[in-house]
Amino acid sequence: MLKSKLLDMMILNEIVDIVGRDHTFTSGPDRLSYSLDTYWAPRALLDLGAEPDLPDVVVAPGSVEEVVELIKLANIYRIPVIPFGGGSGSQGAILPVYGGMVIDLKRLKRIINIDEVSGTVTVQAGIVGYDLEAALNARGWTFPHYPASVHAATIGGSLACRGSGTVSTKYGKAEDLVLSVEVVLPNGDVMRTLPVPNHAAGPGILQNFVGAEGIFGILTEATLRITPLPQTRRFTAFLFPDLASGMEAGRRIMHADLRPCVMRLYDEVSTIKTVKHVLDLDVSKGAYLVIGFDGFEDIVDVCERRAIEICREFSAAPLGAEAGMKWWDNRYNFYYPPKALDVPWMFGTLDTVTTYNKIMKLYTNKRERLTHAFSEYDLYYYAHFSHWFPWGVMVYDRFVIEKPPQDKEEAIRLHDAVWNMSTAINLEFGGVLNEHHGVGLKLARHVRRQYGAGFQVIEAIKDAVDPHHLMNPGKMGFGPTQ
């Protein structure tokens, strides 16, 4: 942590006094396990024999009061602080690039209150999404945020990166499902945002913390919107002649306000490579669409029937309810072994979101320019479109290089070059750095360019609430602790 070995030992004793010996971790394996998420670059470097950046210490506080004391200690000694949830992120948001203290929040996992009158639940930020969902389901409720990482991601982590779940098209993303949060600020003060998110009581500060990835403080509690379990949830699938016709059908469905809970459209490469591989469907061309509706049976009947009519207007071949339900039952299999991408391949998810009038140009330009620029590495590109909005849609696109360079520096240079080009194309066509995985270390260098003159607002808030830049340094366009 510091240059003095004696002082480091004394600081460690102070940490133990706060959280206890059993919740203070300093061994090599413990620190290694907190130095990686699913971000390709550090995992690939480790695979190639490089030493990863390790935290100096990992702590697991059992109360908000202990978090406060840890933050106050970090201020005294200028120790970088990295909040840690489930470690399931893909952007390197939890990488301890300057060492310091990782604060694992998973012991803060209580369900504080389920308010069935208001349709809300208040939880500590360290609770894992699956555990929360199981408790709510037992009472006939659901928190409609079903990410592929649901078995690992914490609620705090989902809010910190503005995550999306499978049914976000109807129910919204993480930032749409939160009413208020409790935050331990970088000076150790505990604050709560206003009790409701919709008001005319000033600019509101809730969304300054949601999506900030810990740079403004540590989320310790959240009140979330929940909904009764639907009476029914049904899916059906179609094969469109091409991506453009599927995209137009999706836009029409959204503008008809039919409110599908799921609408996922795969491009032809993804239809052939991924859908066929995971779902074992015999398709050789076209664009696969799965669409789902949930709620009361009679309302689902009407909405599903009208959506089917729209799809047929674009010559979509019906694959039926069985093909749709098969997708739902296997929806997470795309992201776990043996189906998931992993080293030694180089890969990345380049997702962004833009308006309907720009999405096909963005997709086409990115596909053509990336595959051309990196043809010597046989880069291939594929995509699906999910998380639809009234005004546009997110593209979940990926690149894969099956035989990347084995030299560490060359591999990182190639990886960054792909991301630099992808990011430039996203911004060129009205997109953003990312739609639901966050910024992390991976995209931190692009944040200032994305916001332009607006970055001074973020910078001013950072300097005001965290003048020593203790919180998650190296992320969101900021450098080391000062």
Protein backbone atom coordinates (compact mmCIF):
# COMPACT_ATOMS: atom_id res chain seq x y z
CA MET A 1 0.00 0.00 0.00
CA LEU A 2 2.71 2.43 1.05
CA LYS A 3 6.49 2.39 0.76
CA SER A 4 6.97 1.67 4.46
CA LYS A 5 6.66 -2.03 5.29
CA LEU A 6 6.21 -1.21 8.96
CA LEU A 7 3.41 1.26 8.24
CA ASP A 8 1.76 -1.26 5.91
CA MET A 9 1.68 -3.79 8.73
CA MET A 10 0.22 -1.21 11.08
CA ILE A 11 -2.45 -0.23 8.54
CA LEU A 12 -3.31 -3.89 8.08
CA ASN A 13 -3.80 -4.19 11.83
CA GLU A 14 -6.19 -1.24 11.70
CA ILE A 15 -8.15 -2.96 8.92
CA VAL A 16 -8.34 -6.17 10.96
CA ASP A 17 -9.63 -4.14 13.91
CA ILE A 18 -12.49 -2.91 11.69
CA VAL A 19 -13.64 -6.09 9.91
CA GLY A 20 -11.92 -8.91 11.79
CA ARG A 21 -9.15 -11.31 10.81
CA ASP A 22 -11.57 -13.73 9.11
CA HIS A 23 -12.70 -11.03 6.71
CA THR A 24 -9.26 -9.65 5.80
CA PHE A 25 -7.43 -11.40 2.96
CA THR A 26 -3.81 -10.88 1.98
CA SER A 27 -2.65 -14.20 0.52
CA GLY A 28 -1.57 -14.39 -3.12
CA PRO A 29 -4.45 -16.64 -4.24
CA ASP A 30 -7.02 -14.47 -2.46
CA ARG A 31 -5.70 -11.29 -4.03
CA LEU A 32 -5.47 -12.96 -7.45
CA SER A 33 -9.12 -14.00 -7.33
CA TYR A 34 -10.09 -10.35 -6.82
CA SER A 35 -7.86 -9.03 -9.60
CA LEU A 36 -9.91 -10.29 -12.57
CA ASP A 37 -13.42 -10.20 -13.93
CA THR A 38 -14.35 -11.57 -17.38
CA TYR A 39 -12.56 -8.78 -19.30
CA TRP A 40 -10.44 -10.47 -21.98
CA ALA A 41 -7.19 -8.49 -21.68
CA PRO A 42 -6.05 -9.32 -18.11
CA ARG A 43 -7.23 -12.92 -18.42
CA ALA A 44 -5.32 -13.34 -21.67
CA LEU A 45 -2.19 -11.80 -20.18
CA LEU A 46 -2.43 -14.19 -17.24
CA ASP A 47 -2.86 -17.06 -19.70
CA LEU A 48 0.31 -15.88 -21.49
CA GLY A 49 2.28 -15.87 -18.25
CA ALA A 50 2.10 -12.21 -17.22
CA GLU A 51 1.73 -11.11 -13.62
CA PRO A 52 -1.64 -9.40 -13.01
CA ASP A 53 -2.16 -6.22 -11.01
CA LEU A 54 -3.09 -7.31 -7.48
CA PRO A 55 -4.79 -5.44 -4.66
CA ASP A 56 -2.77 -5.00 -1.50
CA VAL A 57 -5.61 -6.27 0.65
CA VAL A 58 -9.17 -7.57 0.25
CA VAL A 59 -11.75 -6.89 2.93
CA ALA A 60 -15.33 -8.08 3.38
CA PRO A 61 -17.21 -5.71 5.70
CA GLY A 62 -20.33 -6.96 7.42
CA SER A 63 -22.08 -3.62 7.92
CA VAL A 64 -22.37 -0.14 6.48
CA GLU A 65 -20.60 1.13 9.59
CA GLU A 66 -17.58 -1.01 8.73
CA VAL A 67 -17.60 0.34 5.17
CA VAL A 68 -17.56 3.86 6.61
CA GLU A 69 -14.58 3.10 8.84
CA LEU A 70 -12.67 1.53 5.93
CA ILE A 71 -13.27 4.60 3.76
CA LYS A 72 -12.12 6.93 6.53
CA LEU A 73 -8.96 4.86 6.92
CA ALA A 74 -8.34 4.99 3.16
CA ASN A 75 -8.58 8.79 3.32
CA ILE A 76 -5.96 9.03 6.03
CA TYR A 77 -3.40 6.94 4.14
CA ARG A 78 -4.52 7.73 0.55
CA ILE A 79 -5.31 4.08 -0.21
CA PRO A 80 -7.12 3.39 -3.50
CA VAL A 81 -10.52 1.74 -2.93
CA ILE A 82 -12.14 -0.67 -5.39
CA PRO A 83 -15.75 -1.74 -4.69
CA PHE A 84 -16.39 -5.39 -5.60
CA GLY A 85 -19.73 -7.12 -6.19
CA GLY A 86 -19.93 -10.49 -7.93
CA GLY A 87 -16.92 -10.10 -10.22
CA SER A 88 -19.02 -11.04 -13.26
CA GLY A 89 -18.43 -7.84 -15.24
CA SER A 90 -16.74 -7.80 -18.63
CA GLN A 91 -15.16 -4.34 -18.67
CA GLY A 92 -12.46 -4.48 -16.00
CA ALA A 93 -14.31 -2.15 -13.62
CA ILE A 94 -12.96 -4.01 -10.58
CA LEU A 95 -9.33 -4.26 -11.71
CA PRO A 96 -6.98 -2.92 -8.99
CA VAL A 97 -4.65 -1.19 -11.46
CA TYR A 98 -3.07 0.90 -8.69
CA GLY A 99 -3.19 -1.74 -5.96
CA GLY A 100 -5.04 -0.63 -2.87
CA MET A 101 -7.99 -2.08 -0.99
CA VAL A 102 -10.76 -4.13 -2.60
CA ILE A 103 -14.00 -3.95 -0.61
CA ASP A 104 -16.12 -7.06 -1.25
CA LEU A 105 -19.73 -6.17 -0.44
CA LYS A 106 -21.33 -9.62 -0.62
CA ARG A 107 -21.75 -9.86 3.16
CA LEU A 108 -24.18 -6.94 2.85
CA LYS A 109 -26.92 -9.18 1.49
CA ARG A 110 -30.03 -8.60 3.60
CA ILE A 111 -33.50 -8.06 2.21
CA ILE A 112 -34.55 -5.15 4.41
CA ASN A 113 -38.18 -4.77 3.38
CA ILE A 114 -40.66 -6.06 0.80
CA ASP A 115 -43.41 -3.47 0.39
CA GLU A 116 -46.24 -5.26 -1.42
CA VAL A 117 -48.46 -2.18 -1.24
CA SER A 118 -46.00 0.03 -3.15
CA GLY A 119 -44.46 -2.77 -5.20
CA THR A 120 -40.91 -2.17 -3.98
CA VAL A 121 -38.13 -4.06 -2.25
CA THR A 122 -35.28 -2.56 -0.24
CA VAL A 123 -32.07 -4.60 -0.19
CA GLN A 124 -28.44 -4.29 0.70
CA ALA A 125 -26.24 -3.90 -2.36
CA GLY A 126 -24.31 -7.16 -1.94
CA ILE A 127 -27.25 -9.49 -2.46
CA VAL A 128 -26.92 -11.68 -5.56
CA GLY A 129 -29.73 -11.27 -8.09
CA TYR A 130 -30.73 -14.94 -8.06
CA ASP A 131 -31.09 -14.99 -4.27
CA LEU A 132 -33.28 -11.90 -4.35
CA GLU A 133 -35.40 -13.37 -7.13
CA ALA A 134 -35.93 -16.65 -5.26
CA ALA A 135 -37.13 -14.79 -2.17
CA LEU A 136 -39.49 -12.61 -4.19
CA ASN A 137 -40.87 -15.52 -6.22
CA ALA A 138 -41.82 -17.30 -3.00
CA ARG A 139 -44.17 -14.39 -2.31
CA GLY A 140 -45.51 -14.11 -5.87
CA TRP A 141 -43.29 -11.21 -6.96
CA THR A 142 -40.35 -10.70 -9.30
CA PHE A 143 -37.58 -8.17 -9.77
CA PRO A 144 -37.69 -8.15 -13.59
CA HIS A 145 -33.95 -7.90 -14.16
CA TYR A 146 -32.69 -11.22 -15.53
CA PRO A 147 -29.12 -10.78 -16.81
CA ALA A 148 -27.06 -13.78 -17.92
CA SER A 149 -24.94 -13.09 -14.83
CA VAL A 150 -27.94 -13.45 -12.48
CA HIS A 151 -26.26 -16.26 -10.51
CA ALA A 152 -23.22 -14.08 -9.73
CA ALA A 153 -23.99 -10.39 -10.20
CA THR A 154 -25.00 -8.38 -7.15
CA ILE A 155 -27.68 -5.70 -7.15
CA GLY A 156 -25.02 -3.08 -6.46
CA GLY A 157 -23.01 -4.26 -9.45
CA SER A 158 -26.04 -4.18 -11.75
CA LEU A 159 -26.78 -0.60 -10.70
CA ALA A 160 -23.14 0.47 -10.88
CA CYS A 161 -22.90 -0.42 -14.58
CA ARG A 162 -26.52 0.26 -15.64
CA GLY A 163 -27.06 -3.38 -16.50
CA SER A 164 -29.81 -4.87 -18.66
CA GLY A 165 -31.78 -8.05 -18.13
CA THR A 166 -33.45 -10.32 -20.64
CA VAL A 167 -36.88 -8.71 -20.20
CA SER A 168 -35.70 -5.08 -20.23
CA THR A 169 -37.68 -4.23 -23.39
CA LYS A 170 -40.85 -4.24 -21.27
CA TYR A 171 -39.62 -3.62 -17.74
CA GLY A 172 -36.59 -1.38 -18.25
CA LYS A 173 -32.91 -1.54 -17.41
CA ALA A 174 -31.38 -1.39 -13.93
CA GLU A 175 -31.50 2.41 -13.89
CA ASP A 176 -35.23 2.30 -14.65
CA LEU A 177 -35.96 -0.13 -11.81
CA VAL A 178 -34.32 1.79 -8.94
CA LEU A 179 -36.17 4.31 -6.78
CA SER A 180 -33.39 5.35 -4.42
CA VAL A 181 -29.97 4.33 -3.11
CA GLU A 182 -27.83 4.65 -0.02
CA VAL A 183 -24.22 5.59 -0.70
CA VAL A 184 -21.07 5.81 1.40
CA LEU A 185 -19.38 8.89 -0.02
CA PRO A 186 -15.60 9.08 -0.53
CA ASN A 187 -15.18 10.98 2.77
CA GLY A 188 -17.12 8.35 4.73
CA ASP A 189 -20.42 10.22 5.00
CA VAL A 190 -23.56 8.13 4.42
CA MET A 191 -26.22 9.70 2.21
CA ARG A 192 -29.53 8.68 0.68
CA THR A 193 -30.97 9.97 -2.53
CA LEU A 194 -34.56 11.23 -2.55
CA PRO A 195 -37.10 8.51 -1.70
CA VAL A 196 -38.70 8.60 -5.16
CA PRO A 197 -37.06 9.00 -8.59
CA ASN A 198 -39.76 11.09 -10.30
CA HIS A 199 -40.20 14.62 -9.00
CA ALA A 200 -39.82 18.33 -9.67
CA ALA A 201 -37.69 18.94 -6.58
CA GLY A 202 -34.43 19.93 -8.21
CA PRO A 203 -32.10 18.17 -10.64
CA GLY A 204 -31.96 14.90 -8.72
CA ILE A 205 -28.73 13.07 -7.96
CA LEU A 206 -29.79 9.41 -8.08
CA GLN A 207 -28.44 8.86 -11.59
CA ASN A 208 -25.07 10.37 -10.65
CA PHE A 209 -24.42 7.20 -8.67
CA VAL A 210 -26.19 4.69 -10.92
CA GLY A 211 -23.73 3.89 -13.69
CA ALA A 212 -20.77 5.60 -11.98
CA GLU A 213 -19.00 2.27 -11.30
CA GLY A 214 -17.95 3.35 -7.82
CA ILE A 215 -16.08 6.54 -8.70
CA PHE A 216 -18.41 8.72 -6.57
CA GLY A 217 -18.90 6.33 -3.65
CA ILE A 218 -19.99 2.85 -2.66
CA LEU A 219 -23.60 1.76 -3.11
CA THR A 220 -24.70 -0.04 0.05
CA GLU A 221 -28.49 -0.18 -0.24
CA ALA A 222 -31.18 0.24 -2.89
CA THR A 223 -34.95 0.40 -3.12
CA LEU A 224 -36.15 -1.27 -6.31
CA ARG A 225 -39.38 -1.64 -8.23
CA ILE A 226 -40.88 -5.14 -8.26
CA THR A 227 -43.89 -6.55 -10.08
CA PRO A 228 -46.24 -9.50 -9.51
CA LEU A 229 -45.25 -12.69 -11.29
CA PRO A 230 -47.07 -12.74 -14.64
CA GLN A 231 -50.05 -15.00 -15.14
CA THR A 232 -48.46 -16.29 -18.32
CA ARG A 233 -45.27 -15.82 -20.32
CA ARG A 234 -45.21 -17.03 -23.92
CA PHE A 235 -42.67 -17.03 -26.74
CA THR A 236 -42.71 -17.62 -30.44
CA ALA A 237 -40.02 -17.48 -33.13
CA PHE A 238 -39.68 -16.43 -36.76
CA LEU A 239 -37.11 -16.63 -39.51
CA PHE A 240 -36.97 -13.43 -41.57
CA PRO A 241 -35.60 -13.34 -45.12
CA ASP A 242 -32.94 -10.85 -44.01
CA LEU A 243 -31.92 -8.62 -41.13
CA ALA A 244 -33.43 -5.42 -42.56
CA SER A 245 -36.94 -6.89 -42.71
CA GLY A 246 -36.63 -8.20 -39.16
CA MET A 247 -35.43 -4.81 -37.95
CA GLU A 248 -38.37 -3.01 -39.54
CA ALA A 249 -40.81 -5.50 -38.04
CA GLY A 250 -39.25 -4.93 -34.61
CA ARG A 251 -39.54 -1.17 -34.98
CA ARG A 252 -43.19 -1.48 -35.98
CA ILE A 253 -43.91 -3.71 -32.99
CA MET A 254 -42.36 -1.16 -30.63
CA HIS A 255 -44.22 1.76 -32.19
CA ALA A 256 -47.47 -0.19 -31.90
CA ASP A 257 -46.83 -0.21 -28.12
CA LEU A 258 -47.32 -3.98 -27.89
CA ARG A 259 -44.78 -4.15 -25.04
CA PRO A 260 -43.02 -7.46 -25.67
CA CYS A 261 -41.00 -8.61 -22.68
CA VAL A 262 -38.41 -10.10 -25.05
CA MET A 263 -37.56 -9.32 -28.64
CA ARG A 264 -34.22 -10.61 -29.86
CA LEU A 265 -33.23 -10.47 -33.52
CA TYR A 266 -30.10 -12.26 -34.77
CA ASP A 267 -28.16 -11.32 -37.89
CA GLU A 268 -27.46 -14.05 -40.43
CA VAL A 269 -23.99 -14.93 -39.13
CA SER A 270 -25.34 -15.18 -35.59
CA THR A 271 -28.40 -17.12 -36.78
CA ILE A 272 -26.21 -19.73 -38.46
CA LYS A 273 -23.27 -19.84 -36.04
CA THR A 274 -24.83 -19.25 -32.64
CA VAL A 275 -28.55 -19.99 -32.75
CA LYS A 276 -28.02 -23.20 -34.68
CA HIS A 277 -25.18 -24.22 -32.35
CA VAL A 278 -26.97 -23.53 -29.07
CA LEU A 279 -30.58 -24.30 -30.00
CA ASP A 280 -29.86 -27.04 -32.55
CA LEU A 281 -32.19 -25.42 -35.09
CA ASP A 282 -31.64 -26.34 -38.73
CA VAL A 283 -31.19 -22.91 -40.33
CA SER A 284 -28.78 -21.90 -43.10
CA LYS A 285 -29.78 -18.31 -43.86
CA GLY A 286 -32.01 -15.45 -42.76
CA ALA A 287 -32.47 -13.65 -39.45
CA TYR A 288 -33.91 -15.45 -36.42
CA LEU A 289 -36.29 -13.54 -34.15
CA VAL A 290 -37.64 -14.66 -30.80
CA ILE A 291 -40.42 -12.59 -29.26
CA GLY A 292 -42.17 -13.02 -25.94
CA PHE A 293 -45.10 -11.51 -24.08
CA ASP A 294 -46.13 -11.82 -20.46
CA GLY A 295 -48.95 -10.69 -18.20
CA PHE A 296 -52.64 -11.55 -18.17
CA GLU A 297 -53.61 -14.28 -20.62
CA ASP A 298 -56.13 -12.21 -22.59
CA ILE A 299 -53.76 -9.24 -22.98
CA VAL A 300 -50.93 -11.54 -24.08
CA ASP A 301 -53.28 -13.10 -26.66
CA VAL A 302 -54.02 -9.73 -28.26
CA CYS A 303 -50.44 -8.43 -28.24
CA GLU A 304 -48.95 -11.67 -29.53
CA ARG A 305 -51.53 -11.93 -32.32
CA ARG A 306 -50.84 -8.39 -33.54
CA ALA A 307 -47.05 -8.93 -33.39
CA ILE A 308 -47.41 -12.12 -35.46
CA GLU A 309 -49.42 -10.17 -38.04
CA ILE A 310 -46.65 -7.57 -38.30
CA CYS A 311 -43.99 -10.26 -38.72
CA ARG A 312 -45.98 -11.92 -41.49
CA GLU A 313 -46.20 -8.59 -43.33
CA PHE A 314 -42.42 -8.90 -43.76
CA SER A 315 -42.54 -12.49 -45.09
CA ALA A 316 -41.25 -14.01 -41.86
CA ALA A 317 -41.51 -17.79 -41.71
CA PRO A 318 -43.11 -18.89 -38.43
CA LEU A 319 -41.02 -21.33 -36.39
CA GLY A 320 -43.65 -21.67 -33.70
CA ALA A 321 -43.93 -21.54 -29.94
CA GLU A 322 -41.64 -24.51 -29.39
CA ALA A 323 -38.71 -22.76 -31.08
CA GLY A 324 -39.42 -19.64 -29.03
CA MET A 325 -39.67 -21.51 -25.74
CA LYS A 326 -36.51 -23.43 -26.55
CA TRP A 327 -34.67 -20.12 -26.76
CA TRP A 328 -36.06 -19.00 -23.36
CA ASP A 329 -35.11 -22.28 -21.70
CA ASN A 330 -31.56 -22.02 -23.11
CA ARG A 331 -31.13 -18.25 -22.93
CA TYR A 332 -28.17 -18.39 -20.53
CA ASN A 333 -26.38 -21.25 -22.29
CA PHE A 334 -24.89 -18.80 -24.79
CA TYR A 335 -22.75 -17.32 -22.00
CA TYR A 336 -21.48 -20.34 -20.06
CA PRO A 337 -19.13 -23.24 -20.88
CA PRO A 338 -18.97 -25.04 -23.19
CA LYS A 339 -20.84 -22.54 -25.41
CA ALA A 340 -19.15 -19.37 -24.14
CA LEU A 341 -16.16 -17.68 -25.75
CA ASP A 342 -12.90 -17.96 -23.82
CA VAL A 343 -9.14 -17.66 -24.11
CA PRO A 344 -6.98 -18.44 -26.03
CA TRP A 345 -9.36 -16.83 -28.56
CA MET A 346 -9.50 -13.04 -28.61
CA PHE A 347 -13.03 -11.70 -28.39
CA GLY A 348 -15.17 -8.86 -27.13
CA THR A 349 -18.75 -7.63 -26.94
CA LEU A 350 -18.94 -4.24 -28.64
CA ASP A 351 -22.53 -3.39 -27.69
CA THR A 352 -24.01 0.05 -28.14
CA VAL A 353 -27.41 1.64 -28.73
CA THR A 354 -28.66 4.23 -31.20
CA THR A 355 -31.87 5.41 -32.84
CA TYR A 356 -33.78 3.41 -35.44
CA ASN A 357 -32.74 5.70 -38.29
CA LYS A 358 -29.05 4.97 -37.62
CA ILE A 359 -28.88 1.41 -36.33
CA MET A 360 -28.51 -0.40 -39.67
CA LYS A 361 -25.83 2.06 -40.84
CA LEU A 362 -23.94 1.58 -37.58
CA TYR A 363 -24.17 -2.21 -37.80
CA THR A 364 -23.22 -2.40 -41.49
CA ASN A 365 -20.29 0.00 -41.16
CA LYS A 366 -18.92 -1.74 -38.10
CA ARG A 367 -19.18 -5.19 -39.64
CA GLU A 368 -17.56 -4.16 -42.93
CA ARG A 369 -14.85 -1.92 -41.51
CA LEU A 370 -13.76 -4.28 -38.74
CA THR A 371 -13.65 -7.38 -40.93
CA HIS A 372 -11.69 -5.48 -43.60
CA ALA A 373 -9.24 -3.74 -41.27
CA PHE A 374 -8.39 -6.94 -39.39
CA SER A 375 -8.71 -9.43 -42.24
CA GLU A 376 -5.14 -10.67 -41.74
CA TYR A 377 -6.28 -11.98 -38.34
CA ASP A 378 -9.48 -13.54 -39.79
CA LEU A 379 -11.65 -11.44 -37.51
CA TYR A 380 -15.28 -12.41 -37.75
CA TYR A 381 -18.19 -10.37 -36.52
CA TYR A 382 -21.74 -11.25 -35.56
CA ALA A 383 -24.59 -9.56 -33.74
CA HIS A 384 -28.05 -9.67 -32.30
CA PHE A 385 -30.41 -6.84 -31.43
CA SER A 386 -32.07 -6.81 -28.03
CA HIS A 387 -33.17 -4.31 -25.36
CA TRP A 388 -35.52 -2.35 -27.61
CA PHE A 389 -36.75 1.16 -26.84
CA PRO A 390 -39.50 3.30 -28.40
CA TRP A 391 -36.79 5.32 -30.17
CA GLY A 392 -34.10 2.75 -30.99
CA VAL A 393 -32.44 -0.55 -30.22
CA MET A 394 -29.26 -1.94 -28.76
CA VAL A 395 -26.90 -4.02 -30.90
CA TYR A 396 -25.09 -6.77 -29.01
CA ASP A 397 -22.24 -7.36 -31.45
CA ARG A 398 -19.09 -9.38 -31.01
CA PHE A 399 -15.74 -9.87 -32.69
CA VAL A 400 -13.69 -13.06 -32.53
CA ILE A 401 -10.08 -13.74 -33.53
CA GLU A 402 -9.37 -17.42 -33.06
CA LYS A 403 -5.58 -17.16 -33.44
CA PRO A 404 -4.44 -13.93 -31.78
CA PRO A 405 -0.76 -13.01 -31.38
CA GLN A 406 1.05 -14.86 -28.62
CA ASP A 407 3.31 -11.92 -27.84
CA LYS A 408 1.77 -10.04 -24.91
CA GLU A 409 2.34 -6.50 -26.17
CA GLU A 410 1.25 -7.34 -29.71
CA ALA A 411 -1.91 -9.02 -28.42
CA ILE A 412 -2.94 -6.01 -26.32
CA ARG A 413 -2.09 -3.64 -29.18
CA LEU A 414 -4.37 -5.61 -31.53
CA HIS A 415 -7.13 -5.86 -28.94
CA ASP A 416 -7.08 -2.11 -28.29
CA ALA A 417 -7.01 -1.35 -32.02
CA VAL A 418 -10.23 -3.33 -32.55
CA TRP A 419 -11.90 -1.53 -29.67
CA ASN A 420 -10.65 1.88 -30.83
CA MET A 421 -12.18 1.39 -34.27
CA SER A 422 -15.42 -0.02 -32.88
CA THR A 423 -15.79 2.87 -30.44
CA ALA A 424 -15.16 5.46 -33.15
CA ILE A 425 -17.87 3.88 -35.33
CA ASN A 426 -20.32 3.75 -32.42
CA LEU A 427 -19.89 7.46 -31.78
CA GLU A 428 -19.92 8.33 -35.49
CA PHE A 429 -23.42 6.88 -35.89
CA GLY A 430 -25.03 8.35 -32.81
CA GLY A 431 -24.22 5.51 -30.45
CA VAL A 432 -22.48 5.50 -27.08
CA LEU A 433 -19.50 3.68 -25.60
CA ASN A 434 -21.66 0.92 -24.21
CA GLU A 435 -25.29 0.00 -23.64
CA HIS A 436 -25.31 -2.26 -20.59
CA HIS A 437 -21.91 -3.71 -19.67
CA GLY A 438 -20.42 -0.43 -18.48
CA VAL A 439 -17.15 1.40 -19.07
CA GLY A 440 -14.61 -0.12 -16.69
CA LEU A 441 -10.93 0.02 -17.57
CA LYS A 442 -11.59 -1.25 -21.09
CA LEU A 443 -13.34 1.90 -22.32
CA ALA A 444 -12.09 4.45 -19.77
CA ARG A 445 -9.78 6.12 -22.28
CA HIS A 446 -12.76 6.99 -24.51
CA VAL A 447 -15.03 8.62 -21.90
CA ARG A 448 -13.67 12.16 -22.32
CA ARG A 449 -14.14 11.98 -26.10
CA GLN A 450 -17.69 10.66 -25.74
CA TYR A 451 -18.81 13.48 -23.44
CA GLY A 452 -16.75 16.29 -24.96
CA ALA A 453 -17.32 19.54 -23.07
CA GLY A 454 -19.78 17.68 -20.85
CA PHE A 455 -16.94 15.78 -19.18
CA GLN A 456 -16.14 18.88 -17.12
CA VAL A 457 -19.39 18.28 -15.21
CA ILE A 458 -18.32 14.72 -14.32
CA GLU A 459 -14.83 15.99 -13.47
CA ALA A 460 -16.17 18.74 -11.22
CA ILE A 461 -18.35 16.28 -9.29
CA LYS A 462 -15.40 13.90 -8.93
CA ASP A 463 -13.09 16.62 -7.64
CA ALA A 464 -15.75 17.84 -5.21
CA VAL A 465 -16.79 14.53 -3.65
CA ASP A 466 -13.50 12.64 -4.05
CA PRO A 467 -10.68 15.23 -4.08
CA HIS A 468 -8.00 12.56 -3.59
CA HIS A 469 -9.47 10.31 -6.31
CA LEU A 470 -9.51 7.34 -3.96
CA MET A 471 -12.56 5.65 -5.44
CA ASN A 472 -11.88 3.12 -8.20
CA PRO A 473 -8.96 5.00 -9.76
CA GLY A 474 -8.10 4.44 -13.42
CA LYS A 475 -11.74 4.14 -14.45
CA MET A 476 -14.23 6.45 -16.19
CA GLY A 477 -11.50 8.67 -17.67
CA PHE A 478 -9.66 9.37 -14.40
CA GLY A 479 -6.10 8.54 -13.37
CA PRO A 480 -4.46 7.47 -10.11
CA THR A 481 -5.16 8.41 -6.51
CA GLN A 482 -3.79 11.86 -5.71
